[in-house]
Amino acid sequence: MTFKKSKNKTTLLMNDIRKCTWLLNLVFFIIPVSASSQVLFDIGIEKDPKLNTDRIILSDSTTIRLPQHKPLFSFYLNEKYYNS
């Protein structure tokens, strides 16, 4: 009998957790979340032998400075690495 009571409490607890999870998911889908996004406005290109960038400028004029110069583009072709 003790085992059954324990099992019933566990089952009731699991049912409560499922109901709460379902309700939270429903609330998240019903309530719209407003967020503003940024648009990439410009990329600062350095005058090096290669095309490198050192900063990114967003639409609200925020400048993100990169700690190191990064290649403007890079890709693999036939297992060989290419970059600008």
PDB file of N, CA and C in Angstrom:
ATOM      1  N   MET A   1       0.801  -1.188   0.000  1.00  0.00           N
ATOM      2  CA  MET A   1       0.000   0.000   0.000  1.00  0.00           C
ATOM      3  C   MET A   1       0.853   1.265   0.000  1.00  0.00           C
ATOM      4  N   THR A   2       1.939   1.260   0.755  1.00  0.00           N
ATOM      5  CA  THR A   2       2.797   2.429   0.824  1.00  0.00           C
ATOM      6  C   THR A   2       3.365   2.760  -0.554  1.00  0.00           C
ATOM      7  N   PHE A   3       3.721   1.715  -1.286  1.00  0.00           N
ATOM      8  CA  PHE A   3       4.271   1.909  -2.620  1.00  0.00           C
ATOM      9  C   PHE A   3       3.236   2.555  -3.539  1.00  0.00           C
ATOM     10  N   LYS A   4       1.978   2.133  -3.439  1.00  0.00           N
ATOM     11  CA  LYS A   4       0.925   2.699  -4.286  1.00  0.00           C
ATOM     12  C   LYS A   4       0.690   4.170  -3.975  1.00  0.00           C
ATOM     13  N   LYS A   5       0.701   4.533  -2.697  1.00  0.00           N
ATOM     14  CA  LYS A   5       0.516   5.937  -2.334  1.00  0.00           C
ATOM     15  C   LYS A   5       1.634   6.787  -2.907  1.00  0.00           C
ATOM     16  N   SER A   6       2.841   6.283  -2.783  1.00  0.00           N
ATOM     17  CA  SER A   6       3.994   6.995  -3.317  1.00  0.00           C
ATOM     18  C   SER A   6       3.883   7.132  -4.825  1.00  0.00           C
ATOM     19  N   LYS A   7       3.456   6.073  -5.464  1.00  0.00           N
ATOM     20  CA  LYS A   7       3.323   6.102  -6.920  1.00  0.00           C
ATOM     21  C   LYS A   7       2.234   7.089  -7.328  1.00  0.00           C
ATOM     22  N   ASN A   8       1.159   7.130  -6.588  1.00  0.00           N
ATOM     23  CA  ASN A   8       0.080   8.061  -6.904  1.00  0.00           C
ATOM     24  C   ASN A   8       0.529   9.510  -6.732  1.00  0.00           C
ATOM     25  N   LYS A   9       1.289   9.794  -5.687  1.00  0.00           N
ATOM     26  CA  LYS A   9       1.804  11.147  -5.491  1.00  0.00           C
ATOM     27  C   LYS A   9       2.719  11.545  -6.638  1.00  0.00           C
ATOM     28  N   THR A  10       3.564  10.612  -7.069  1.00  0.00           N
ATOM     29  CA  THR A  10       4.474  10.884  -8.183  1.00  0.00           C
ATOM     30  C   THR A  10       3.683  11.133  -9.460  1.00  0.00           C
ATOM     31  N   THR A  11       2.663  10.320  -9.682  1.00  0.00           N
ATOM     32  CA  THR A  11       1.836  10.484 -10.875  1.00  0.00           C
ATOM     33  C   THR A  11       1.123  11.828 -10.850  1.00  0.00           C
ATOM     34  N   LEU A  12       0.589  12.205  -9.703  1.00  0.00           N
ATOM     35  CA  LEU A  12      -0.083  13.505  -9.593  1.00  0.00           C
ATOM     36  C   LEU A  12       0.898  14.652  -9.817  1.00  0.00           C
ATOM     37  N   LEU A  13       2.080  14.534  -9.276  1.00  0.00           N
ATOM     38  CA  LEU A  13       3.100  15.560  -9.469  1.00  0.00           C
ATOM     39  C   LEU A  13       3.477  15.685 -10.939  1.00  0.00           C
ATOM     40  N   MET A  14       3.650  14.548 -11.614  1.00  0.00           N
ATOM     41  CA  MET A  14       3.995  14.576 -13.043  1.00  0.00           C
ATOM     42  C   MET A  14       2.864  15.202 -13.858  1.00  0.00           C
ATOM     43  N   ASN A  15       1.622  14.904 -13.489  1.00  0.00           N
ATOM     44  CA  ASN A  15       0.488  15.506 -14.198  1.00  0.00           C
ATOM     45  C   ASN A  15       0.462  17.020 -13.987  1.00  0.00           C
ATOM     46  N   ASP A  16       0.754  17.464 -12.772  1.00  0.00           N
ATOM     47  CA  ASP A  16       0.811  18.898 -12.503  1.00  0.00           C
ATOM     48  C   ASP A  16       1.912  19.570 -13.304  1.00  0.00           C
ATOM     49  N   ILE A  17       3.050  18.937 -13.397  1.00  0.00           N
ATOM     50  CA  ILE A  17       4.173  19.490 -14.172  1.00  0.00           C
ATOM     51  C   ILE A  17       3.798  19.574 -15.642  1.00  0.00           C
ATOM     52  N   ARG A  18       3.152  18.546 -16.164  1.00  0.00           N
ATOM     53  CA  ARG A  18       2.728  18.567 -17.573  1.00  0.00           C
ATOM     54  C   ARG A  18       1.743  19.706 -17.828  1.00  0.00           C
ATOM     55  N   LYS A  19       0.786  19.893 -16.913  1.00  0.00           N
ATOM     56  CA  LYS A  19      -0.197  20.961 -17.067  1.00  0.00           C
ATOM     57  C   LYS A  19       0.477  22.334 -17.040  1.00  0.00           C
ATOM     58  N   CYS A  20       1.404  22.508 -16.120  1.00  0.00           N
ATOM     59  CA  CYS A  20       2.120  23.793 -16.040  1.00  0.00           C
ATOM     60  C   CYS A  20       2.932  24.043 -17.295  1.00  0.00           C
ATOM     61  N   THR A  21       3.598  23.036 -17.794  1.00  0.00           N
ATOM     62  CA  THR A  21       4.395  23.176 -19.014  1.00  0.00           C
ATOM     63  C   THR A  21       3.502  23.525 -20.195  1.00  0.00           C
ATOM     64  N   TRP A  22       2.361  22.863 -20.289  1.00  0.00           N
ATOM     65  CA  TRP A  22       1.435  23.132 -21.379  1.00  0.00           C
ATOM     66  C   TRP A  22       0.921  24.569 -21.306  1.00  0.00           C
ATOM     67  N   LEU A  23       0.572  25.011 -20.099  1.00  0.00           N
ATOM     68  CA  LEU A  23       0.077  26.377 -19.934  1.00  0.00           C
ATOM     69  C   LEU A  23       1.151  27.413 -20.256  1.00  0.00           C
ATOM     70  N   LEU A  24       2.378  27.167 -19.835  1.00  0.00           N
ATOM     71  CA  LEU A  24       3.469  28.096 -20.161  1.00  0.00           C
ATOM     72  C   LEU A  24       3.691  28.189 -21.662  1.00  0.00           C
ATOM     73  N   ASN A  25       3.659  27.060 -22.346  1.00  0.00           N
ATOM     74  CA  ASN A  25       3.808  27.073 -23.806  1.00  0.00           C
ATOM     75  C   ASN A  25       2.679  27.851 -24.458  1.00  0.00           C
ATOM     76  N   LEU A  26       1.474  27.662 -23.966  1.00  0.00           N
ATOM     77  CA  LEU A  26       0.332  28.385 -24.505  1.00  0.00           C
ATOM     78  C   LEU A  26       0.490  29.891 -24.304  1.00  0.00           C
ATOM     79  N   VAL A  27       0.932  30.286 -23.131  1.00  0.00           N
ATOM     80  CA  VAL A  27       1.145  31.710 -22.848  1.00  0.00           C
ATOM     81  C   VAL A  27       2.218  32.292 -23.763  1.00  0.00           C
ATOM     82  N   PHE A  28       3.307  31.569 -23.972  1.00  0.00           N
ATOM     83  CA  PHE A  28       4.381  32.067 -24.836  1.00  0.00           C
ATOM     84  C   PHE A  28       3.930  32.217 -26.282  1.00  0.00           C
ATOM     85  N   PHE A  29       3.010  31.365 -26.737  1.00  0.00           N
ATOM     86  CA  PHE A  29       2.535  31.471 -28.110  1.00  0.00           C
ATOM     87  C   PHE A  29       1.489  32.566 -28.269  1.00  0.00           C
ATOM     88  N   ILE A  30       0.730  32.850 -27.225  1.00  0.00           N
ATOM     89  CA  ILE A  30      -0.333  33.849 -27.321  1.00  0.00           C
ATOM     90  C   ILE A  30       0.203  35.271 -27.161  1.00  0.00           C
ATOM     91  N   ILE A  31       1.100  35.478 -26.212  1.00  0.00           N
ATOM     92  CA  ILE A  31       1.625  36.817 -25.947  1.00  0.00           C
ATOM     93  C   ILE A  31       2.731  37.141 -26.949  1.00  0.00           C
ATOM     94  N   PRO A  32       2.565  38.184 -27.739  1.00  0.00           N
ATOM     95  CA  PRO A  32       3.619  38.521 -28.697  1.00  0.00           C
ATOM     96  C   PRO A  32       4.829  39.126 -27.986  1.00  0.00           C
ATOM     97  N   VAL A  33       5.981  38.767 -28.475  1.00  0.00           N
ATOM     98  CA  VAL A  33       7.219  39.295 -27.923  1.00  0.00           C
ATOM     99  C   VAL A  33       7.757  40.327 -28.911  1.00  0.00           C
ATOM    100  N   SER A  34       7.913  41.530 -28.433  1.00  0.00           N
ATOM    101  CA  SER A  34       8.395  42.597 -29.289  1.00  0.00           C
ATOM    102  C   SER A  34       9.904  42.739 -29.122  1.00  0.00           C
ATOM    103  N   ALA A  35      10.590  42.771 -30.226  1.00  0.00           N
ATOM    104  CA  ALA A  35      12.044  42.936 -30.189  1.00  0.00           C
ATOM    105  C   ALA A  35      12.464  43.732 -31.422  1.00  0.00           C
ATOM    106  N   SER A  36      13.429  44.582 -31.234  1.00  0.00           N
ATOM    107  CA  SER A  36      13.940  45.333 -32.379  1.00  0.00           C
ATOM    108  C   SER A  36      15.181  44.629 -32.913  1.00  0.00           C
ATOM    109  N   SER A  37      15.347  44.702 -34.190  1.00  0.00           N
ATOM    110  CA  SER A  37      16.491  44.038 -34.803  1.00  0.00           C
ATOM    111  C   SER A  37      17.436  45.080 -35.394  1.00  0.00           C
ATOM    112  N   GLN A  38      18.624  44.662 -35.661  1.00  0.00           N
ATOM    113  CA  GLN A  38      19.630  45.520 -36.285  1.00  0.00           C
ATOM    114  C   GLN A  38      19.849  45.064 -37.717  1.00  0.00           C
ATOM    115  N   VAL A  39      20.170  45.993 -38.561  1.00  0.00           N
ATOM    116  CA  VAL A  39      20.479  45.706 -39.953  1.00  0.00           C
ATOM    117  C   VAL A  39      21.942  46.047 -40.178  1.00  0.00           C
ATOM    118  N   LEU A  40      22.623  45.182 -40.876  1.00  0.00           N
ATOM    119  CA  LEU A  40      24.020  45.433 -41.215  1.00  0.00           C
ATOM    120  C   LEU A  40      24.062  46.585 -42.206  1.00  0.00           C
ATOM    121  N   PHE A  41      24.703  47.677 -41.826  1.00  0.00           N
ATOM    122  CA  PHE A  41      24.713  48.887 -42.641  1.00  0.00           C
ATOM    123  C   PHE A  41      25.982  48.983 -43.486  1.00  0.00           C
ATOM    124  N   ASP A  42      27.131  48.658 -42.900  1.00  0.00           N
ATOM    125  CA  ASP A  42      28.394  48.800 -43.607  1.00  0.00           C
ATOM    126  C   ASP A  42      29.438  47.889 -42.964  1.00  0.00           C
ATOM    127  N   ILE A  43      30.444  47.544 -43.752  1.00  0.00           N
ATOM    128  CA  ILE A  43      31.584  46.763 -43.262  1.00  0.00           C
ATOM    129  C   ILE A  43      32.836  47.568 -43.568  1.00  0.00           C
ATOM    130  N   GLY A  44      33.621  47.825 -42.535  1.00  0.00           N
ATOM    131  CA  GLY A  44      34.860  48.573 -42.744  1.00  0.00           C
ATOM    132  C   GLY A  44      35.933  47.667 -43.333  1.00  0.00           C
ATOM    133  N   ILE A  45      36.408  48.010 -44.520  1.00  0.00           N
ATOM    134  CA  ILE A  45      37.413  47.198 -45.214  1.00  0.00           C
ATOM    135  C   ILE A  45      38.767  47.892 -45.094  1.00  0.00           C
ATOM    136  N   GLU A  46      39.761  47.147 -44.664  1.00  0.00           N
ATOM    137  CA  GLU A  46      41.121  47.663 -44.516  1.00  0.00           C
ATOM    138  C   GLU A  46      41.863  47.578 -45.847  1.00  0.00           C
ATOM    139  N   LYS A  47      42.778  48.508 -46.045  1.00  0.00           N
ATOM    140  CA  LYS A  47      43.598  48.505 -47.254  1.00  0.00           C
ATOM    141  C   LYS A  47      44.852  47.676 -46.996  1.00  0.00           C
ATOM    142  N   ASP A  48      44.709  46.402 -47.102  1.00  0.00           N
ATOM    143  CA  ASP A  48      45.812  45.457 -46.973  1.00  0.00           C
ATOM    144  C   ASP A  48      45.975  44.764 -48.323  1.00  0.00           C
ATOM    145  N   PRO A  49      47.009  43.938 -48.450  1.00  0.00           N
ATOM    146  CA  PRO A  49      47.106  43.160 -49.694  1.00  0.00           C
ATOM    147  C   PRO A  49      45.872  42.264 -49.906  1.00  0.00           C
ATOM    148  N   LYS A  50      45.227  41.905 -48.814  1.00  0.00           N
ATOM    149  CA  LYS A  50      44.009  41.105 -48.914  1.00  0.00           C
ATOM    150  C   LYS A  50      42.833  41.931 -48.423  1.00  0.00           C
ATOM    151  N   LEU A  51      41.611  41.508 -48.753  1.00  0.00           N
ATOM    152  CA  LEU A  51      40.418  42.195 -48.264  1.00  0.00           C
ATOM    153  C   LEU A  51      40.125  41.739 -46.846  1.00  0.00           C
ATOM    154  N   ASN A  52      40.369  42.610 -45.882  1.00  0.00           N
ATOM    155  CA  ASN A  52      40.113  42.312 -44.479  1.00  0.00           C
ATOM    156  C   ASN A  52      39.161  43.344 -43.913  1.00  0.00           C
ATOM    157  N   THR A  53      38.432  42.941 -42.901  1.00  0.00           N
ATOM    158  CA  THR A  53      37.544  43.867 -42.223  1.00  0.00           C
ATOM    159  C   THR A  53      37.960  43.982 -40.764  1.00  0.00           C
ATOM    160  N   ASP A  54      37.783  45.169 -40.214  1.00  0.00           N
ATOM    161  CA  ASP A  54      38.127  45.374 -38.805  1.00  0.00           C
ATOM    162  C   ASP A  54      36.959  45.947 -38.005  1.00  0.00           C
ATOM    163  N   ARG A  55      35.850  46.269 -38.690  1.00  0.00           N
ATOM    164  CA  ARG A  55      34.696  46.815 -37.980  1.00  0.00           C
ATOM    165  C   ARG A  55      33.420  46.540 -38.780  1.00  0.00           C
ATOM    166  N   ILE A  56      32.320  46.503 -38.048  1.00  0.00           N
ATOM    167  CA  ILE A  56      30.999  46.317 -38.643  1.00  0.00           C
ATOM    168  C   ILE A  56      30.124  47.447 -38.119  1.00  0.00           C
ATOM    169  N   ILE A  57      29.399  48.101 -39.033  1.00  0.00           N
ATOM    170  CA  ILE A  57      28.548  49.223 -38.648  1.00  0.00           C
ATOM    171  C   ILE A  57      27.085  48.801 -38.837  1.00  0.00           C
ATOM    172  N   LEU A  58      26.292  48.982 -37.773  1.00  0.00           N
ATOM    173  CA  LEU A  58      24.886  48.601 -37.802  1.00  0.00           C
ATOM    174  C   LEU A  58      24.013  49.791 -38.156  1.00  0.00           C
ATOM    175  N   SER A  59      22.733  49.541 -38.399  1.00  0.00           N
ATOM    176  CA  SER A  59      21.825  50.582 -38.883  1.00  0.00           C
ATOM    177  C   SER A  59      21.626  51.728 -37.898  1.00  0.00           C
ATOM    178  N   ASP A  60      21.845  51.510 -36.602  1.00  0.00           N
ATOM    179  CA  ASP A  60      21.699  52.616 -35.651  1.00  0.00           C
ATOM    180  C   ASP A  60      23.037  53.307 -35.387  1.00  0.00           C
ATOM    181  N   SER A  61      23.978  53.141 -36.288  1.00  0.00           N
ATOM    182  CA  SER A  61      25.315  53.741 -36.243  1.00  0.00           C
ATOM    183  C   SER A  61      26.208  53.153 -35.148  1.00  0.00           C
ATOM    184  N   THR A  62      25.833  52.040 -34.572  1.00  0.00           N
ATOM    185  CA  THR A  62      26.694  51.356 -33.614  1.00  0.00           C
ATOM    186  C   THR A  62      27.829  50.684 -34.386  1.00  0.00           C
ATOM    187  N   THR A  63      29.049  50.903 -33.937  1.00  0.00           N
ATOM    188  CA  THR A  63      30.203  50.288 -34.578  1.00  0.00           C
ATOM    189  C   THR A  63      30.727  49.167 -33.695  1.00  0.00           C
ATOM    190  N   ILE A  64      30.875  48.004 -34.292  1.00  0.00           N
ATOM    191  CA  ILE A  64      31.452  46.861 -33.590  1.00  0.00           C
ATOM    192  C   ILE A  64      32.866  46.683 -34.121  1.00  0.00           C
ATOM    193  N   ARG A  65      33.840  46.903 -33.261  1.00  0.00           N
ATOM    194  CA  ARG A  65      35.236  46.747 -33.664  1.00  0.00           C
ATOM    195  C   ARG A  65      35.676  45.315 -33.374  1.00  0.00           C
ATOM    196  N   LEU A  66      36.273  44.682 -34.358  1.00  0.00           N
ATOM    197  CA  LEU A  66      36.755  43.314 -34.198  1.00  0.00           C
ATOM    198  C   LEU A  66      38.157  43.338 -33.591  1.00  0.00           C
ATOM    199  N   PRO A  67      38.466  42.409 -32.691  1.00  0.00           N
ATOM    200  CA  PRO A  67      39.779  42.415 -32.051  1.00  0.00           C
ATOM    201  C   PRO A  67      40.929  42.169 -33.036  1.00  0.00           C
ATOM    202  N   GLN A  68      40.658  41.430 -34.092  1.00  0.00           N
ATOM    203  CA  GLN A  68      41.667  41.160 -35.117  1.00  0.00           C
ATOM    204  C   GLN A  68      41.028  41.356 -36.488  1.00  0.00           C
ATOM    205  N   HIS A  69      41.861  41.619 -37.478  1.00  0.00           N
ATOM    206  CA  HIS A  69      41.344  41.708 -38.846  1.00  0.00           C
ATOM    207  C   HIS A  69      40.840  40.338 -39.265  1.00  0.00           C
ATOM    208  N   LYS A  70      39.670  40.316 -39.881  1.00  0.00           N
ATOM    209  CA  LYS A  70      39.066  39.078 -40.364  1.00  0.00           C
ATOM    210  C   LYS A  70      38.955  39.153 -41.869  1.00  0.00           C
ATOM    211  N   PRO A  71      39.124  38.028 -42.566  1.00  0.00           N
ATOM    212  CA  PRO A  71      38.938  38.045 -44.023  1.00  0.00           C
ATOM    213  C   PRO A  71      37.489  38.383 -44.370  1.00  0.00           C
ATOM    214  N   LEU A  72      37.310  39.128 -45.445  1.00  0.00           N
ATOM    215  CA  LEU A  72      35.967  39.528 -45.861  1.00  0.00           C
ATOM    216  C   LEU A  72      35.142  38.310 -46.261  1.00  0.00           C
ATOM    217  N   PHE A  73      35.789  37.316 -46.868  1.00  0.00           N
ATOM    218  CA  PHE A  73      35.109  36.075 -47.192  1.00  0.00           C
ATOM    219  C   PHE A  73      36.102  34.924 -47.080  1.00  0.00           C
ATOM    220  N   SER A  74      35.580  33.741 -46.841  1.00  0.00           N
ATOM    221  CA  SER A  74      36.399  32.530 -46.813  1.00  0.00           C
ATOM    222  C   SER A  74      35.497  31.346 -47.121  1.00  0.00           C
ATOM    223  N   PHE A  75      36.076  30.334 -47.761  1.00  0.00           N
ATOM    224  CA  PHE A  75      35.294  29.149 -48.113  1.00  0.00           C
ATOM    225  C   PHE A  75      36.242  27.991 -48.416  1.00  0.00           C
ATOM    226  N   TYR A  76      35.671  26.792 -48.439  1.00  0.00           N
ATOM    227  CA  TYR A  76      36.384  25.581 -48.828  1.00  0.00           C
ATOM    228  C   TYR A  76      35.877  25.141 -50.189  1.00  0.00           C
ATOM    229  N   LEU A  77      36.797  24.758 -51.049  1.00  0.00           N
ATOM    230  CA  LEU A  77      36.444  24.200 -52.350  1.00  0.00           C
ATOM    231  C   LEU A  77      37.353  23.014 -52.609  1.00  0.00           C
ATOM    232  N   ASN A  78      36.766  21.869 -52.770  1.00  0.00           N
ATOM    233  CA  ASN A  78      37.531  20.626 -52.961  1.00  0.00           C
ATOM    234  C   ASN A  78      38.570  20.438 -51.861  1.00  0.00           C
ATOM    235  N   GLU A  79      38.126  20.655 -50.636  1.00  0.00           N
ATOM    236  CA  GLU A  79      38.951  20.489 -49.436  1.00  0.00           C
ATOM    237  C   GLU A  79      40.149  21.446 -49.377  1.00  0.00           C
ATOM    238  N   LYS A  80      40.101  22.526 -50.134  1.00  0.00           N
ATOM    239  CA  LYS A  80      41.132  23.559 -50.089  1.00  0.00           C
ATOM    240  C   LYS A  80      40.493  24.857 -49.578  1.00  0.00           C
ATOM    241  N   TYR A  81      41.182  25.517 -48.647  1.00  0.00           N
ATOM    242  CA  TYR A  81      40.656  26.723 -48.013  1.00  0.00           C
ATOM    243  C   TYR A  81      41.079  27.969 -48.794  1.00  0.00           C
ATOM    244  N   TYR A  82      40.106  28.824 -49.092  1.00  0.00           N
ATOM    245  CA  TYR A  82      40.353  30.094 -49.774  1.00  0.00           C
ATOM    246  C   TYR A  82      39.820  31.220 -48.898  1.00  0.00           C
ATOM    247  N   ASN A  83      40.517  32.356 -48.882  1.00  0.00           N
ATOM    248  CA  ASN A  83      39.991  33.535 -48.215  1.00  0.00           C
ATOM    249  C   ASN A  83      40.475  34.779 -48.937  1.00  0.00           C
ATOM    250  N   SER A  84      39.855  35.893 -48.599  1.00  0.00           N
ATOM    251  CA  SER A  84      40.195  37.153 -49.287  1.00  0.00           C
ATOM    252  C   SER A  84      41.497  37.722 -48.755  1.00  0.00           C
TER     253      SER A  84
END
